[in-house]
Amino acid sequence: MAVTLFYFPDGPMQGDVDNISQVERILVQKFEPENVFGFSSPSAKLKEALNRQAPVLYVRLSDEPFEDLV
């Protein structure tokens, strides 16, 4: 299983976001307001999350742990 979490807080954030277990691979990244960049080809669901008011947590689950590594 693979889990992708993108967190868009409404301001600077203290602490980390990687204290999750029981998955083979996890990609977690926070995008504070001044550090959001343009995604080259976001999925429809990610586009929807990007257009919402922060804070937003985008979650994607997959049964292919290496799908983005090829």
Protein backbone atom coordinates (compact mmCIF):
# COMPACT_ATOMS: atom_id res chain seq x y z
CA MET A 1 0.00 0.00 0.00
CA ALA A 2 1.13 3.55 -0.66
CA VAL A 3 -0.21 6.66 1.01
CA THR A 4 0.23 10.21 -0.25
CA LEU A 5 -0.65 13.10 2.06
CA PHE A 6 -0.31 16.75 1.07
CA TYR A 7 -1.15 19.20 3.86
CA PHE A 8 -1.91 22.83 3.07
CA PRO A 9 -2.13 24.65 6.44
CA ASP A 10 -3.51 28.16 6.69
CA GLY A 11 -0.17 29.41 8.07
CA PRO A 12 3.27 28.32 9.26
CA MET A 13 3.22 25.00 11.11
CA GLN A 14 5.26 23.66 14.02
CA GLY A 15 6.36 20.01 14.14
CA ASP A 16 6.43 17.18 11.64
CA VAL A 17 3.82 15.12 9.82
CA ASP A 18 5.54 11.74 9.42
CA ASN A 19 4.51 9.77 12.51
CA ILE A 20 2.48 7.17 10.64
CA SER A 21 3.17 3.42 10.49
CA GLN A 22 1.97 0.20 8.83
CA VAL A 23 2.60 1.31 5.23
CA GLU A 24 5.55 0.39 3.00
CA ARG A 25 5.94 3.87 1.61
CA ILE A 26 4.65 7.25 2.64
CA LEU A 27 5.02 10.62 0.98
CA VAL A 28 4.07 13.51 3.22
CA GLN A 29 4.73 17.12 2.42
CA LYS A 30 3.42 20.35 3.86
CA PHE A 31 2.89 23.34 1.60
CA GLU A 32 2.84 26.50 3.69
CA PRO A 33 1.10 29.41 1.93
CA GLU A 34 4.31 31.03 0.68
CA ASN A 35 5.74 27.69 -0.57
CA VAL A 36 2.99 26.28 -2.83
CA PHE A 37 4.17 25.61 -6.38
CA GLY A 38 2.24 24.72 -9.52
CA PHE A 39 1.61 21.00 -10.05
CA SER A 40 2.30 20.03 -13.68
CA SER A 41 -0.61 17.60 -14.08
CA PRO A 42 -2.72 17.32 -10.93
CA SER A 43 -5.56 14.80 -10.80
CA ALA A 44 -9.13 16.09 -10.66
CA LYS A 45 -9.25 15.41 -6.91
CA LEU A 46 -5.96 17.24 -6.27
CA LYS A 47 -7.23 20.20 -8.33
CA GLU A 48 -10.34 20.22 -6.16
CA ALA A 49 -8.20 20.25 -3.00
CA LEU A 50 -5.98 23.04 -4.36
CA ASN A 51 -9.04 25.21 -5.02
CA ARG A 52 -10.37 24.92 -1.45
CA GLN A 53 -9.62 27.32 1.36
CA ALA A 54 -6.82 26.17 3.71
CA PRO A 55 -6.41 24.18 5.83
CA VAL A 56 -6.81 21.22 3.45
CA LEU A 57 -5.56 17.64 3.72
CA TYR A 58 -5.34 15.74 0.41
CA VAL A 59 -5.12 11.94 0.79
CA ARG A 60 -4.48 9.39 -1.96
CA LEU A 61 -4.35 5.63 -1.34
CA SER A 62 -2.92 3.09 -3.74
CA ASP A 63 -2.17 -0.63 -3.71
CA GLU A 64 1.00 -0.02 -5.80
CA PRO A 65 3.76 1.24 -3.44
CA PHE A 66 6.18 2.15 -6.25
CA GLU A 67 3.78 3.79 -8.73
CA ASP A 68 5.54 7.19 -8.77
CA LEU A 69 9.10 5.85 -8.68
CA VAL A 70 9.46 4.56 -12.25
